[in-house]
Amino acid sequence: MSNKPPHGMKINIEMPPDLEATYANFAIISHTHSEIIIDFARVLPNMPKSRVHARIVMTPVHAKLLLQALQQNLERYESQFGEITPPSGGSDLAHQFFGGAKPPEKP
């Protein structure tokens, strides 16, 4: 999230050598009063069903920091590789990709 840990504290982050990357092209974002929940899934052509492969739960403050870090990284990416142009669809496109699906209701 932030490049600097609080109060100059150094944090040693361990990346397990057997950690597998998970590809996602769909996210369902929801929230409670105290948490932001992001479920990541893969939607494939001609497959009417998808499955959540990862769920991230964080505080609203950490979600805002993540948003800022993503923005900074996208700006760096675009300065190196050129502007990212999303497909046409306007504001409905974000809803289509990240808000159109609903998790199944509990019985």
Protein backbone atom coordinates (compact mmCIF):
# COMPACT_ATOMS: atom_id res chain seq x y z
CA MET A 1 0.00 0.00 0.00
CA SER A 2 2.18 2.83 1.23
CA ASN A 3 5.87 2.78 0.46
CA LYS A 4 6.74 3.87 3.99
CA PRO A 5 5.76 1.86 7.05
CA PRO A 6 4.50 3.95 9.99
CA HIS A 7 7.14 5.80 12.02
CA GLY A 8 10.03 4.68 9.78
CA MET A 9 9.68 1.08 10.95
CA LYS A 10 11.18 -1.45 8.51
CA ILE A 11 9.06 -4.46 7.60
CA ASN A 12 10.60 -7.59 6.13
CA ILE A 13 8.10 -9.10 3.66
CA GLU A 14 8.62 -12.77 2.83
CA MET A 15 7.58 -14.01 -0.60
CA PRO A 16 7.19 -17.80 -0.42
CA PRO A 17 9.08 -19.43 -3.32
CA ASP A 18 6.12 -21.73 -4.08
CA LEU A 19 3.53 -18.94 -4.15
CA GLU A 20 1.41 -19.25 -7.29
CA ALA A 21 0.05 -16.18 -9.05
CA THR A 22 -3.71 -16.07 -9.58
CA TYR A 23 -5.07 -14.45 -12.74
CA ALA A 24 -8.30 -12.48 -12.36
CA ASN A 25 -10.25 -10.44 -14.89
CA PHE A 26 -13.33 -9.87 -12.74
CA ALA A 27 -13.80 -8.43 -9.26
CA ILE A 28 -16.80 -8.11 -6.99
CA ILE A 29 -16.32 -5.27 -4.52
CA SER A 30 -18.52 -4.97 -1.45
CA HIS A 31 -18.24 -3.39 1.98
CA THR A 32 -19.45 -3.30 5.53
CA HIS A 33 -19.09 -0.40 7.93
CA SER A 34 -15.56 -1.50 8.85
CA GLU A 35 -14.29 -3.58 5.90
CA ILE A 36 -13.86 -3.52 2.13
CA ILE A 37 -14.12 -6.97 0.53
CA ILE A 38 -12.75 -7.71 -2.95
CA ASP A 39 -13.48 -11.10 -4.50
CA PHE A 40 -11.37 -11.94 -7.57
CA ALA A 41 -12.57 -14.33 -10.28
CA ARG A 42 -11.88 -15.36 -13.87
CA VAL A 43 -14.61 -15.00 -16.46
CA LEU A 44 -13.95 -17.01 -19.61
CA PRO A 45 -15.67 -16.80 -23.00
CA ASN A 46 -18.65 -19.13 -23.47
CA MET A 47 -18.56 -20.10 -19.79
CA PRO A 48 -21.71 -18.85 -18.02
CA LYS A 49 -20.34 -19.72 -14.59
CA SER A 50 -17.28 -18.44 -12.76
CA ARG A 51 -15.66 -19.06 -9.39
CA VAL A 52 -13.98 -16.74 -6.91
CA HIS A 53 -10.29 -17.62 -6.64
CA ALA A 54 -9.21 -15.09 -4.01
CA ARG A 55 -10.86 -12.86 -1.40
CA ILE A 56 -9.11 -9.85 0.08
CA VAL A 57 -10.56 -8.14 3.16
CA MET A 58 -9.14 -4.81 4.34
CA THR A 59 -10.06 -1.72 6.29
CA PRO A 60 -11.44 1.28 4.40
CA VAL A 61 -8.22 3.19 5.17
CA HIS A 62 -6.10 0.42 3.65
CA ALA A 63 -8.44 0.24 0.63
CA LYS A 64 -7.95 3.98 0.07
CA LEU A 65 -4.16 3.53 0.34
CA LEU A 66 -4.38 0.65 -2.15
CA LEU A 67 -6.37 2.88 -4.51
CA GLN A 68 -3.65 5.55 -4.29
CA ALA A 69 -0.87 2.98 -4.81
CA LEU A 70 -2.69 1.53 -7.85
CA GLN A 71 -3.11 5.04 -9.29
CA GLN A 72 0.60 5.80 -8.83
CA ASN A 73 1.62 2.50 -10.42
CA LEU A 74 -0.75 2.95 -13.37
CA GLU A 75 0.68 6.43 -13.95
CA ARG A 76 4.22 4.96 -13.95
CA TYR A 77 3.09 2.16 -16.28
CA GLU A 78 1.54 4.65 -18.73
CA SER A 79 4.62 6.88 -18.68
CA GLN A 80 6.72 3.86 -19.65
CA PHE A 81 4.38 1.97 -22.03
CA GLY A 82 1.77 4.51 -23.14
CA GLU A 83 -1.80 5.31 -22.20
CA ILE A 84 -4.12 2.47 -21.23
CA THR A 85 -7.34 2.85 -23.20
CA PRO A 86 -10.27 0.90 -21.73
CA PRO A 87 -12.88 -0.46 -24.16
CA SER A 88 -15.75 1.90 -24.90
CA GLY A 89 -18.70 1.65 -22.56
CA GLY A 90 -18.28 4.62 -20.27
CA SER A 91 -19.17 4.36 -16.61
CA ASP A 92 -21.31 1.29 -17.27
CA LEU A 93 -18.15 -0.61 -18.20
CA ALA A 94 -16.77 -0.52 -14.65
CA HIS A 95 -20.13 -1.68 -13.33
CA GLN A 96 -20.23 -4.40 -15.98
CA PHE A 97 -16.79 -5.73 -15.03
CA PHE A 98 -16.77 -5.08 -11.29
CA GLY A 99 -20.33 -4.74 -10.07
CA GLY A 100 -22.67 -6.71 -12.27
CA ALA A 101 -22.37 -10.08 -10.58
CA LYS A 102 -23.78 -10.86 -7.20
CA PRO A 103 -22.46 -13.53 -4.85
CA PRO A 104 -24.89 -16.41 -4.35
CA GLU A 105 -27.33 -15.90 -1.51
CA LYS A 106 -26.93 -18.12 1.52
CA PRO A 107 -29.74 -20.67 2.00
